[in-house]
């Protein structure tokens, strides 16, 4: 399965804004932070933006990169980024030991809870 390219949130200011102003939904395998973008920002890039976050407490670089791959695959299976939203997918210790299918199921539940 080829994953399509998603727009990532590259600046730490934008990530900080989602953490500070956004809302949070938590599950057993990951946390979802989301923030709706205003119309002026979405006119240049109407599709949603995503940041995949795996902190150093999860392990070394190889382990964190595996977690990010699982998150990317789960996002694709759950329907991709939501248009008009900035999303942060934050992994926890259980994410790395889970399959992308399990993470995708939980992500779909978090999207429903967030109503996005």
PDB file of N, CA and C in Angstrom:
ATOM      1  N   UNK A   1       0.850  -1.172   0.000  1.00  0.00           N
ATOM      2  CA  UNK A   1       0.000   0.000   0.000  1.00  0.00           C
ATOM      3  C   UNK A   1       0.897   1.237   0.000  1.00  0.00           C
ATOM      4  N   UNK A   2       0.735   2.068  -0.995  1.00  0.00           N
ATOM      5  CA  UNK A   2       1.514   3.306  -1.067  1.00  0.00           C
ATOM      6  C   UNK A   2       0.795   4.400  -0.285  1.00  0.00           C
ATOM      7  N   UNK A   3       1.545   5.051   0.575  1.00  0.00           N
ATOM      8  CA  UNK A   3       0.971   6.134   1.361  1.00  0.00           C
ATOM      9  C   UNK A   3       1.063   7.424   0.572  1.00  0.00           C
ATOM     10  N   UNK A   4      -0.019   8.174   0.567  1.00  0.00           N
ATOM     11  CA  UNK A   4       0.026   9.447  -0.143  1.00  0.00           C
ATOM     12  C   UNK A   4       0.701  10.487   0.743  1.00  0.00           C
ATOM     13  N   UNK A   5       1.299  11.451   0.104  1.00  0.00           N
ATOM     14  CA  UNK A   5       2.015  12.507   0.812  1.00  0.00           C
ATOM     15  C   UNK A   5       1.014  13.404   1.532  1.00  0.00           C
ATOM     16  N   UNK A   6       1.276  13.684   2.795  1.00  0.00           N
ATOM     17  CA  UNK A   6       0.432  14.606   3.562  1.00  0.00           C
ATOM     18  C   UNK A   6       1.257  15.837   3.905  1.00  0.00           C
ATOM     19  N   UNK A   7       0.579  16.949   4.054  1.00  0.00           N
ATOM     20  CA  UNK A   7       1.257  18.171   4.477  1.00  0.00           C
ATOM     21  C   UNK A   7       1.590  18.053   5.951  1.00  0.00           C
ATOM     22  N   UNK A   8       2.835  18.291   6.280  1.00  0.00           N
ATOM     23  CA  UNK A   8       3.239  18.212   7.672  1.00  0.00           C
ATOM     24  C   UNK A   8       3.382  19.606   8.263  1.00  0.00           C
ATOM     25  N   UNK A   9       3.191  19.679   9.547  1.00  0.00           N
ATOM     26  CA  UNK A   9       3.397  20.933  10.262  1.00  0.00           C
ATOM     27  C   UNK A   9       4.871  20.975  10.621  1.00  0.00           C
ATOM     28  N   UNK A  10       5.598  21.901  10.030  1.00  0.00           N
ATOM     29  CA  UNK A  10       7.046  21.927  10.195  1.00  0.00           C
ATOM     30  C   UNK A  10       7.519  22.874  11.292  1.00  0.00           C
ATOM     31  N   UNK A  11       6.803  23.946  11.526  1.00  0.00           N
ATOM     32  CA  UNK A  11       7.302  24.952  12.470  1.00  0.00           C
ATOM     33  C   UNK A  11       6.898  24.622  13.901  1.00  0.00           C
ATOM     34  N   UNK A  12       7.810  24.866  14.799  1.00  0.00           N
ATOM     35  CA  UNK A  12       7.516  24.618  16.210  1.00  0.00           C
ATOM     36  C   UNK A  12       6.456  25.589  16.725  1.00  0.00           C
ATOM     37  N   UNK A  13       6.353  26.769  16.104  1.00  0.00           N
ATOM     38  CA  UNK A  13       5.316  27.728  16.511  1.00  0.00           C
ATOM     39  C   UNK A  13       3.929  27.182  16.201  1.00  0.00           C
ATOM     40  N   UNK A  14       3.759  26.584  15.030  1.00  0.00           N
ATOM     41  CA  UNK A  14       2.455  26.024  14.657  1.00  0.00           C
ATOM     42  C   UNK A  14       2.110  24.831  15.539  1.00  0.00           C
ATOM     43  N   UNK A  15       3.094  23.998  15.847  1.00  0.00           N
ATOM     44  CA  UNK A  15       2.855  22.865  16.739  1.00  0.00           C
ATOM     45  C   UNK A  15       2.497  23.360  18.136  1.00  0.00           C
ATOM     46  N   UNK A  16       3.211  24.374  18.612  1.00  0.00           N
ATOM     47  CA  UNK A  16       2.905  24.960  19.914  1.00  0.00           C
ATOM     48  C   UNK A  16       1.513  25.556  19.965  1.00  0.00           C
ATOM     49  N   UNK A  17       1.078  26.159  18.851  1.00  0.00           N
ATOM     50  CA  UNK A  17      -0.267  26.736  18.805  1.00  0.00           C
ATOM     51  C   UNK A  17      -1.328  25.654  18.928  1.00  0.00           C
ATOM     52  N   UNK A  18      -1.109  24.515  18.286  1.00  0.00           N
ATOM     53  CA  UNK A  18      -2.078  23.420  18.391  1.00  0.00           C
ATOM     54  C   UNK A  18      -2.106  22.884  19.821  1.00  0.00           C
ATOM     55  N   UNK A  19      -0.932  22.730  20.433  1.00  0.00           N
ATOM     56  CA  UNK A  19      -0.893  22.281  21.831  1.00  0.00           C
ATOM     57  C   UNK A  19      -1.602  23.280  22.742  1.00  0.00           C
ATOM     58  N   UNK A  20      -1.377  24.567  22.508  1.00  0.00           N
ATOM     59  CA  UNK A  20      -1.893  25.601  23.411  1.00  0.00           C
ATOM     60  C   UNK A  20      -3.377  25.901  23.175  1.00  0.00           C
ATOM     61  N   UNK A  21      -3.767  26.093  21.910  1.00  0.00           N
ATOM     62  CA  UNK A  21      -5.129  26.531  21.597  1.00  0.00           C
ATOM     63  C   UNK A  21      -6.069  25.403  21.193  1.00  0.00           C
ATOM     64  N   UNK A  22      -5.490  24.251  20.818  1.00  0.00           N
ATOM     65  CA  UNK A  22      -6.298  23.163  20.296  1.00  0.00           C
ATOM     66  C   UNK A  22      -6.980  22.348  21.379  1.00  0.00           C
ATOM     67  N   UNK A  23      -7.716  21.357  20.932  1.00  0.00           N
ATOM     68  CA  UNK A  23      -8.414  20.442  21.832  1.00  0.00           C
ATOM     69  C   UNK A  23      -7.729  19.089  21.770  1.00  0.00           C
ATOM     70  N   UNK A  24      -8.011  18.247  22.759  1.00  0.00           N
ATOM     71  CA  UNK A  24      -7.320  16.954  22.874  1.00  0.00           C
ATOM     72  C   UNK A  24      -8.319  15.831  23.079  1.00  0.00           C
ATOM     73  N   UNK A  25      -8.050  14.727  22.393  1.00  0.00           N
ATOM     74  CA  UNK A  25      -8.757  13.479  22.623  1.00  0.00           C
ATOM     75  C   UNK A  25      -7.691  12.418  22.870  1.00  0.00           C
ATOM     76  N   UNK A  26      -7.834  11.642  23.929  1.00  0.00           N
ATOM     77  CA  UNK A  26      -6.836  10.628  24.260  1.00  0.00           C
ATOM     78  C   UNK A  26      -7.431   9.238  24.189  1.00  0.00           C
ATOM     79  N   UNK A  27      -6.589   8.311  23.769  1.00  0.00           N
ATOM     80  CA  UNK A  27      -6.957   6.904  23.740  1.00  0.00           C
ATOM     81  C   UNK A  27      -5.867   6.092  24.403  1.00  0.00           C
ATOM     82  N   UNK A  28      -5.982   4.779  24.301  1.00  0.00           N
ATOM     83  CA  UNK A  28      -4.987   3.900  24.903  1.00  0.00           C
ATOM     84  C   UNK A  28      -3.680   3.890  24.113  1.00  0.00           C
ATOM     85  N   UNK A  29      -3.742   4.134  22.791  1.00  0.00           N
ATOM     86  CA  UNK A  29      -2.569   3.999  21.939  1.00  0.00           C
ATOM     87  C   UNK A  29      -1.960   5.324  21.496  1.00  0.00           C
ATOM     88  N   UNK A  30      -2.727   6.406  21.537  1.00  0.00           N
ATOM     89  CA  UNK A  30      -2.212   7.701  21.115  1.00  0.00           C
ATOM     90  C   UNK A  30      -3.114   8.815  21.605  1.00  0.00           C
ATOM     91  N   UNK A  31      -2.626  10.037  21.461  1.00  0.00           N
ATOM     92  CA  UNK A  31      -3.423  11.232  21.748  1.00  0.00           C
ATOM     93  C   UNK A  31      -3.532  12.045  20.482  1.00  0.00           C
ATOM     94  N   UNK A  32      -4.697  12.643  20.290  1.00  0.00           N
ATOM     95  CA  UNK A  32      -4.967  13.474  19.126  1.00  0.00           C
ATOM     96  C   UNK A  32      -5.213  14.894  19.598  1.00  0.00           C
ATOM     97  N   UNK A  33      -4.393  15.823  19.131  1.00  0.00           N
ATOM     98  CA  UNK A  33      -4.622  17.246  19.350  1.00  0.00           C
ATOM     99  C   UNK A  33      -5.077  17.819  18.021  1.00  0.00           C
ATOM    100  N   UNK A  34      -6.089  18.685  18.050  1.00  0.00           N
ATOM    101  CA  UNK A  34      -6.592  19.228  16.792  1.00  0.00           C
ATOM    102  C   UNK A  34      -6.986  20.689  16.976  1.00  0.00           C
ATOM    103  N   UNK A  35      -6.802  21.437  15.893  1.00  0.00           N
ATOM    104  CA  UNK A  35      -7.127  22.855  15.882  1.00  0.00           C
ATOM    105  C   UNK A  35      -7.640  23.210  14.504  1.00  0.00           C
ATOM    106  N   UNK A  36      -8.801  23.835  14.454  1.00  0.00           N
ATOM    107  CA  UNK A  36      -9.363  24.273  13.183  1.00  0.00           C
ATOM    108  C   UNK A  36      -8.612  25.509  12.702  1.00  0.00           C
ATOM    109  N   UNK A  37      -8.267  25.500  11.421  1.00  0.00           N
ATOM    110  CA  UNK A  37      -7.564  26.654  10.856  1.00  0.00           C
ATOM    111  C   UNK A  37      -8.576  27.626  10.268  1.00  0.00           C
ATOM    112  N   UNK A  38      -8.223  28.919  10.246  1.00  0.00           N
ATOM    113  CA  UNK A  38      -9.157  29.909   9.719  1.00  0.00           C
ATOM    114  C   UNK A  38      -9.192  29.856   8.198  1.00  0.00           C
ATOM    115  N   UNK A  39     -10.157  30.523   7.601  1.00  0.00           N
ATOM    116  CA  UNK A  39     -10.401  30.456   6.168  1.00  0.00           C
ATOM    117  C   UNK A  39      -9.216  30.993   5.368  1.00  0.00           C
ATOM    118  N   UNK A  40      -8.557  32.033   5.839  1.00  0.00           N
ATOM    119  CA  UNK A  40      -7.425  32.607   5.102  1.00  0.00           C
ATOM    120  C   UNK A  40      -6.279  31.604   4.980  1.00  0.00           C
ATOM    121  N   UNK A  41      -6.028  30.839   6.035  1.00  0.00           N
ATOM    122  CA  UNK A  41      -4.962  29.840   5.990  1.00  0.00           C
ATOM    123  C   UNK A  41      -5.341  28.655   5.121  1.00  0.00           C
ATOM    124  N   UNK A  42      -6.607  28.245   5.153  1.00  0.00           N
ATOM    125  CA  UNK A  42      -7.015  27.065   4.400  1.00  0.00           C
ATOM    126  C   UNK A  42      -7.167  27.334   2.920  1.00  0.00           C
ATOM    127  N   UNK A  43      -7.272  28.595   2.493  1.00  0.00           N
ATOM    128  CA  UNK A  43      -7.415  28.872   1.064  1.00  0.00           C
ATOM    129  C   UNK A  43      -6.134  28.540   0.310  1.00  0.00           C
ATOM    130  N   UNK A  44      -4.975  28.677   0.959  1.00  0.00           N
ATOM    131  CA  UNK A  44      -3.725  28.331   0.295  1.00  0.00           C
ATOM    132  C   UNK A  44      -3.447  26.836   0.367  1.00  0.00           C
ATOM    133  N   UNK A  45      -3.879  26.183   1.427  1.00  0.00           N
ATOM    134  CA  UNK A  45      -3.694  24.736   1.583  1.00  0.00           C
ATOM    135  C   UNK A  45      -4.948  24.160   2.237  1.00  0.00           C
ATOM    136  N   UNK A  46      -5.971  23.819   1.427  1.00  0.00           N
ATOM    137  CA  UNK A  46      -7.250  23.391   2.005  1.00  0.00           C
ATOM    138  C   UNK A  46      -7.183  22.051   2.720  1.00  0.00           C
ATOM    139  N   UNK A  47      -6.249  21.184   2.325  1.00  0.00           N
ATOM    140  CA  UNK A  47      -6.157  19.908   3.025  1.00  0.00           C
ATOM    141  C   UNK A  47      -5.554  20.113   4.405  1.00  0.00           C
ATOM    142  N   UNK A  48      -5.752  19.165   5.254  1.00  0.00           N
ATOM    143  CA  UNK A  48      -5.264  19.282   6.614  1.00  0.00           C
ATOM    144  C   UNK A  48      -3.760  19.059   6.712  1.00  0.00           C
ATOM    145  N   UNK A  49      -3.199  19.540   7.811  1.00  0.00           N
ATOM    146  CA  UNK A  49      -1.773  19.339   8.082  1.00  0.00           C
ATOM    147  C   UNK A  49      -1.631  18.460   9.313  1.00  0.00           C
ATOM    148  N   UNK A  50      -0.524  17.726   9.371  1.00  0.00           N
ATOM    149  CA  UNK A  50      -0.322  16.755  10.440  1.00  0.00           C
ATOM    150  C   UNK A  50       1.110  16.827  10.943  1.00  0.00           C
ATOM    151  N   UNK A  51       1.286  16.585  12.241  1.00  0.00           N
ATOM    152  CA  UNK A  51       2.618  16.374  12.826  1.00  0.00           C
ATOM    153  C   UNK A  51       2.556  15.058  13.594  1.00  0.00           C
ATOM    154  N   UNK A  52       3.568  14.233  13.397  1.00  0.00           N
ATOM    155  CA  UNK A  52       3.681  12.955  14.095  1.00  0.00           C
ATOM    156  C   UNK A  52       4.724  13.123  15.183  1.00  0.00           C
ATOM    157  N   UNK A  53       4.333  12.920  16.425  1.00  0.00           N
ATOM    158  CA  UNK A  53       5.222  13.204  17.547  1.00  0.00           C
ATOM    159  C   UNK A  53       5.482  11.926  18.341  1.00  0.00           C
ATOM    160  N   UNK A  54       6.765  11.600  18.443  1.00  0.00           N
ATOM    161  CA  UNK A  54       7.215  10.462  19.251  1.00  0.00           C
ATOM    162  C   UNK A  54       8.376  10.961  20.096  1.00  0.00           C
ATOM    163  N   UNK A  55       8.136  11.160  21.369  1.00  0.00           N
ATOM    164  CA  UNK A  55       9.131  11.728  22.258  1.00  0.00           C
ATOM    165  C   UNK A  55      10.275  10.769  22.561  1.00  0.00           C
ATOM    166  N   UNK A  56      11.348  11.320  23.062  1.00  0.00           N
ATOM    167  CA  UNK A  56      12.546  10.525  23.352  1.00  0.00           C
ATOM    168  C   UNK A  56      12.322   9.501  24.453  1.00  0.00           C
ATOM    169  N   UNK A  57      11.311   9.701  25.274  1.00  0.00           N
ATOM    170  CA  UNK A  57      11.044   8.732  26.337  1.00  0.00           C
ATOM    171  C   UNK A  57      10.563   7.402  25.768  1.00  0.00           C
ATOM    172  N   UNK A  58      10.200   7.369  24.482  1.00  0.00           N
ATOM    173  CA  UNK A  58       9.770   6.118  23.855  1.00  0.00           C
ATOM    174  C   UNK A  58      10.933   5.220  23.484  1.00  0.00           C
ATOM    175  N   UNK A  59      12.129   5.776  23.411  1.00  0.00           N
ATOM    176  CA  UNK A  59      13.284   4.953  23.071  1.00  0.00           C
ATOM    177  C   UNK A  59      14.206   5.671  22.107  1.00  0.00           C
ATOM    178  N   UNK A  60      15.071   4.882  21.487  1.00  0.00           N
ATOM    179  CA  UNK A  60      16.046   5.427  20.553  1.00  0.00           C
ATOM    180  C   UNK A  60      15.420   5.828  19.226  1.00  0.00           C
ATOM    181  N   UNK A  61      16.261   6.336  18.339  1.00  0.00           N
ATOM    182  CA  UNK A  61      15.795   6.863  17.054  1.00  0.00           C
ATOM    183  C   UNK A  61      15.101   5.794  16.211  1.00  0.00           C
ATOM    184  N   UNK A  62      15.620   4.587  16.217  1.00  0.00           N
ATOM    185  CA  UNK A  62      15.022   3.515  15.420  1.00  0.00           C
ATOM    186  C   UNK A  62      13.604   3.234  15.900  1.00  0.00           C
ATOM    187  N   UNK A  63      13.425   3.160  17.197  1.00  0.00           N
ATOM    188  CA  UNK A  63      12.110   2.901  17.786  1.00  0.00           C
ATOM    189  C   UNK A  63      11.142   4.049  17.493  1.00  0.00           C
ATOM    190  N   UNK A  64      11.602   5.292  17.646  1.00  0.00           N
ATOM    191  CA  UNK A  64      10.743   6.455  17.389  1.00  0.00           C
ATOM    192  C   UNK A  64      10.353   6.525  15.918  1.00  0.00           C
ATOM    193  N   UNK A  65      11.278   6.208  15.017  1.00  0.00           N
ATOM    194  CA  UNK A  65      10.947   6.222  13.590  1.00  0.00           C
ATOM    195  C   UNK A  65       9.926   5.141  13.250  1.00  0.00           C
ATOM    196  N   UNK A  66      10.023   3.978  13.902  1.00  0.00           N
ATOM    197  CA  UNK A  66       9.030   2.937  13.684  1.00  0.00           C
ATOM    198  C   UNK A  66       7.648   3.418  14.126  1.00  0.00           C
ATOM    199  N   UNK A  67       7.601   4.095  15.269  1.00  0.00           N
ATOM    200  CA  UNK A  67       6.333   4.620  15.776  1.00  0.00           C
ATOM    201  C   UNK A  67       5.743   5.620  14.780  1.00  0.00           C
ATOM    202  N   UNK A  68       6.564   6.479  14.210  1.00  0.00           N
ATOM    203  CA  UNK A  68       6.063   7.456  13.239  1.00  0.00           C
ATOM    204  C   UNK A  68       5.540   6.769  11.985  1.00  0.00           C
ATOM    205  N   UNK A  69       6.188   5.691  11.546  1.00  0.00           N
ATOM    206  CA  UNK A  69       5.691   4.934  10.389  1.00  0.00           C
ATOM    207  C   UNK A  69       4.330   4.322  10.698  1.00  0.00           C
ATOM    208  N   UNK A  70       4.176   3.785  11.904  1.00  0.00           N
ATOM    209  CA  UNK A  70       2.890   3.224  12.313  1.00  0.00           C
ATOM    210  C   UNK A  70       1.819   4.310  12.317  1.00  0.00           C
ATOM    211  N   UNK A  71       2.154   5.494  12.835  1.00  0.00           N
ATOM    212  CA  UNK A  71       1.189   6.602  12.866  1.00  0.00           C
ATOM    213  C   UNK A  71       0.805   7.047  11.459  1.00  0.00           C
ATOM    214  N   UNK A  72       1.788   7.131  10.542  1.00  0.00           N
ATOM    215  CA  UNK A  72       1.488   7.523   9.166  1.00  0.00           C
ATOM    216  C   UNK A  72       0.547   6.527   8.490  1.00  0.00           C
ATOM    217  N   UNK A  73       0.844   5.239   8.656  1.00  0.00           N
ATOM    218  CA  UNK A  73      -0.001   4.203   8.061  1.00  0.00           C
ATOM    219  C   UNK A  73      -1.402   4.227   8.673  1.00  0.00           C
ATOM    220  N   UNK A  74      -1.489   4.425   9.973  1.00  0.00           N
ATOM    221  CA  UNK A  74      -2.792   4.478  10.642  1.00  0.00           C
ATOM    222  C   UNK A  74      -3.611   5.667  10.158  1.00  0.00           C
ATOM    223  N   UNK A  75      -2.961   6.804   9.948  1.00  0.00           N
ATOM    224  CA  UNK A  75      -3.670   7.981   9.453  1.00  0.00           C
ATOM    225  C   UNK A  75      -4.228   7.720   8.059  1.00  0.00           C
ATOM    226  N   UNK A  76      -3.458   7.077   7.212  1.00  0.00           N
ATOM    227  CA  UNK A  76      -3.937   6.753   5.867  1.00  0.00           C
ATOM    228  C   UNK A  76      -5.121   5.792   5.927  1.00  0.00           C
ATOM    229  N   UNK A  77      -5.069   4.815   6.808  1.00  0.00           N
ATOM    230  CA  UNK A  77      -6.162   3.850   6.946  1.00  0.00           C
ATOM    231  C   UNK A  77      -7.406   4.481   7.549  1.00  0.00           C
ATOM    232  N   UNK A  78      -7.228   5.485   8.385  1.00  0.00           N
ATOM    233  CA  UNK A  78      -8.365   6.135   9.053  1.00  0.00           C
ATOM    234  C   UNK A  78      -8.962   7.258   8.217  1.00  0.00           C
ATOM    235  N   UNK A  79      -8.486   7.463   7.018  1.00  0.00           N
ATOM    236  CA  UNK A  79      -9.093   8.466   6.152  1.00  0.00           C
ATOM    237  C   UNK A  79      -8.242   9.688   5.926  1.00  0.00           C
ATOM    238  N   UNK A  80      -7.008   9.662   6.351  1.00  0.00           N
ATOM    239  CA  UNK A  80      -6.104  10.772   6.078  1.00  0.00           C
ATOM    240  C   UNK A  80      -6.386  11.990   6.908  1.00  0.00           C
ATOM    241  N   UNK A  81      -5.628  13.050   6.689  1.00  0.00           N
ATOM    242  CA  UNK A  81      -5.846  14.278   7.465  1.00  0.00           C
ATOM    243  C   UNK A  81      -7.200  14.899   7.132  1.00  0.00           C
ATOM    244  N   UNK A  82      -7.764  15.557   8.080  1.00  0.00           N
ATOM    245  CA  UNK A  82      -9.055  16.214   7.901  1.00  0.00           C
ATOM    246  C   UNK A  82      -8.847  17.613   7.341  1.00  0.00           C
ATOM    247  N   UNK A  83      -9.601  17.947   6.311  1.00  0.00           N
ATOM    248  CA  UNK A  83      -9.472  19.250   5.658  1.00  0.00           C
ATOM    249  C   UNK A  83      -9.793  20.365   6.648  1.00  0.00           C
ATOM    250  N   UNK A  84      -8.935  21.394   6.653  1.00  0.00           N
ATOM    251  CA  UNK A  84      -9.156  22.551   7.496  1.00  0.00           C
ATOM    252  C   UNK A  84      -8.680  22.398   8.923  1.00  0.00           C
ATOM    253  N   UNK A  85      -8.015  21.320   9.241  1.00  0.00           N
ATOM    254  CA  UNK A  85      -7.548  21.090  10.604  1.00  0.00           C
ATOM    255  C   UNK A  85      -6.038  20.856  10.638  1.00  0.00           C
ATOM    256  N   UNK A  86      -5.428  21.319  11.720  1.00  0.00           N
ATOM    257  CA  UNK A  86      -4.067  20.939  12.054  1.00  0.00           C
ATOM    258  C   UNK A  86      -4.181  19.834  13.094  1.00  0.00           C
ATOM    259  N   UNK A  87      -3.520  18.710  12.845  1.00  0.00           N
ATOM    260  CA  UNK A  87      -3.591  17.560  13.739  1.00  0.00           C
ATOM    261  C   UNK A  87      -2.209  17.232  14.283  1.00  0.00           C
ATOM    262  N   UNK A  88      -2.161  16.865  15.542  1.00  0.00           N
ATOM    263  CA  UNK A  88      -0.949  16.328  16.143  1.00  0.00           C
ATOM    264  C   UNK A  88      -1.280  14.924  16.619  1.00  0.00           C
ATOM    265  N   UNK A  89      -0.541  13.950  16.125  1.00  0.00           N
ATOM    266  CA  UNK A  89      -0.695  12.578  16.576  1.00  0.00           C
ATOM    267  C   UNK A  89       0.480  12.276  17.493  1.00  0.00           C
ATOM    268  N   UNK A  90       0.191  12.128  18.765  1.00  0.00           N
ATOM    269  CA  UNK A  90       1.234  11.951  19.775  1.00  0.00           C
ATOM    270  C   UNK A  90       1.219  10.498  20.235  1.00  0.00           C
ATOM    271  N   UNK A  91       2.339   9.820  20.022  1.00  0.00           N
ATOM    272  CA  UNK A  91       2.459   8.408  20.383  1.00  0.00           C
ATOM    273  C   UNK A  91       2.721   8.256  21.873  1.00  0.00           C
ATOM    274  N   UNK A  92       2.330   7.096  22.396  1.00  0.00           N
ATOM    275  CA  UNK A  92       2.704   6.751  23.764  1.00  0.00           C
ATOM    276  C   UNK A  92       3.406   5.390  23.745  1.00  0.00           C
ATOM    277  N   UNK A  93       3.685   4.841  24.891  1.00  0.00           N
ATOM    278  CA  UNK A  93       4.477   3.608  24.976  1.00  0.00           C
ATOM    279  C   UNK A  93       3.783   2.424  24.307  1.00  0.00           C
ATOM    280  N   UNK A  94       2.469   2.420  24.226  1.00  0.00           N
ATOM    281  CA  UNK A  94       1.732   1.305  23.637  1.00  0.00           C
ATOM    282  C   UNK A  94       1.673   1.368  22.116  1.00  0.00           C
ATOM    283  N   UNK A  95       1.944   2.513  21.532  1.00  0.00           N
ATOM    284  CA  UNK A  95       1.833   2.682  20.084  1.00  0.00           C
ATOM    285  C   UNK A  95       2.816   1.790  19.335  1.00  0.00           C
ATOM    286  N   UNK A  96       4.046   1.734  19.783  1.00  0.00           N
ATOM    287  CA  UNK A  96       5.080   0.988  19.071  1.00  0.00           C
ATOM    288  C   UNK A  96       4.804  -0.505  19.055  1.00  0.00           C
ATOM    289  N   UNK A  97       4.171  -1.008  20.075  1.00  0.00           N
ATOM    290  CA  UNK A  97       3.892  -2.441  20.156  1.00  0.00           C
ATOM    291  C   UNK A  97       2.609  -2.821  19.434  1.00  0.00           C
ATOM    292  N   UNK A  98       1.920  -1.859  18.853  1.00  0.00           N
ATOM    293  CA  UNK A  98       0.642  -2.097  18.202  1.00  0.00           C
ATOM    294  C   UNK A  98       0.805  -2.085  16.693  1.00  0.00           C
ATOM    295  N   UNK A  99      -0.132  -2.715  16.016  1.00  0.00           N
ATOM    296  CA  UNK A  99      -0.130  -2.691  14.556  1.00  0.00           C
ATOM    297  C   UNK A  99      -0.771  -1.396  14.078  1.00  0.00           C
ATOM    298  N   UNK A 100      -0.493  -1.055  12.829  1.00  0.00           N
ATOM    299  CA  UNK A 100      -1.095   0.161  12.278  1.00  0.00           C
ATOM    300  C   UNK A 100      -2.609   0.019  12.197  1.00  0.00           C
ATOM    301  N   UNK A 101      -3.101  -1.208  12.015  1.00  0.00           N
ATOM    302  CA  UNK A 101      -4.543  -1.428  11.975  1.00  0.00           C
ATOM    303  C   UNK A 101      -5.181  -1.067  13.318  1.00  0.00           C
ATOM    304  N   UNK A 102      -4.583  -1.519  14.415  1.00  0.00           N
ATOM    305  CA  UNK A 102      -5.120  -1.209  15.742  1.00  0.00           C
ATOM    306  C   UNK A 102      -5.088   0.291  16.018  1.00  0.00           C
ATOM    307  N   UNK A 103      -3.995   0.927  15.633  1.00  0.00           N
ATOM    308  CA  UNK A 103      -3.869   2.371  15.830  1.00  0.00           C
ATOM    309  C   UNK A 103      -4.888   3.106  14.960  1.00  0.00           C
ATOM    310  N   UNK A 104      -5.113   2.622  13.736  1.00  0.00           N
ATOM    311  CA  UNK A 104      -6.097   3.247  12.844  1.00  0.00           C
ATOM    312  C   UNK A 104      -7.506   3.142  13.420  1.00  0.00           C
ATOM    313  N   UNK A 105      -7.832   1.995  14.020  1.00  0.00           N
ATOM    314  CA  UNK A 105      -9.144   1.835  14.639  1.00  0.00           C
ATOM    315  C   UNK A 105      -9.332   2.841  15.771  1.00  0.00           C
ATOM    316  N   UNK A 106      -8.307   3.007  16.588  1.00  0.00           N
ATOM    317  CA  UNK A 106      -8.413   3.970  17.684  1.00  0.00           C
ATOM    318  C   UNK A 106      -8.461   5.401  17.159  1.00  0.00           C
ATOM    319  N   UNK A 107      -7.700   5.688  16.116  1.00  0.00           N
ATOM    320  CA  UNK A 107      -7.710   7.031  15.533  1.00  0.00           C
ATOM    321  C   UNK A 107      -9.087   7.362  14.969  1.00  0.00           C
ATOM    322  N   UNK A 108      -9.737   6.409  14.333  1.00  0.00           N
ATOM    323  CA  UNK A 108     -11.095   6.633  13.829  1.00  0.00           C
ATOM    324  C   UNK A 108     -12.049   6.944  14.971  1.00  0.00           C
ATOM    325  N   UNK A 109     -11.889   6.263  16.094  1.00  0.00           N
ATOM    326  CA  UNK A 109     -12.722   6.534  17.270  1.00  0.00           C
ATOM    327  C   UNK A 109     -12.459   7.937  17.787  1.00  0.00           C
ATOM    328  N   UNK A 110     -11.182   8.344  17.828  1.00  0.00           N
ATOM    329  CA  UNK A 110     -10.845   9.688  18.308  1.00  0.00           C
ATOM    330  C   UNK A 110     -11.396  10.764  17.370  1.00  0.00           C
ATOM    331  N   UNK A 111     -11.378  10.503  16.048  1.00  0.00           N
ATOM    332  CA  UNK A 111     -11.971  11.443  15.100  1.00  0.00           C
ATOM    333  C   UNK A 111     -13.472  11.586  15.353  1.00  0.00           C
ATOM    334  N   UNK A 112     -14.150  10.474  15.607  1.00  0.00           N
ATOM    335  CA  UNK A 112     -15.588  10.538  15.890  1.00  0.00           C
ATOM    336  C   UNK A 112     -15.868  11.302  17.172  1.00  0.00           C
ATOM    337  N   UNK A 113     -15.066  11.033  18.209  1.00  0.00           N
ATOM    338  CA  UNK A 113     -15.244  11.757  19.476  1.00  0.00           C
ATOM    339  C   UNK A 113     -15.024  13.258  19.302  1.00  0.00           C
ATOM    340  N   UNK A 114     -14.051  13.608  18.475  1.00  0.00           N
ATOM    341  CA  UNK A 114     -13.738  15.023  18.242  1.00  0.00           C
ATOM    342  C   UNK A 114     -14.715  15.673  17.269  1.00  0.00           C
ATOM    343  N   UNK A 115     -15.509  14.852  16.589  1.00  0.00           N
ATOM    344  CA  UNK A 115     -16.467  15.334  15.581  1.00  0.00           C
ATOM    345  C   UNK A 115     -15.767  16.072  14.431  1.00  0.00           C
ATOM    346  N   UNK A 116     -14.680  15.480  13.976  1.00  0.00           N
ATOM    347  CA  UNK A 116     -13.990  16.052  12.812  1.00  0.00           C
ATOM    348  C   UNK A 116     -13.860  15.002  11.721  1.00  0.00           C
TER     349      UNK A 116
END
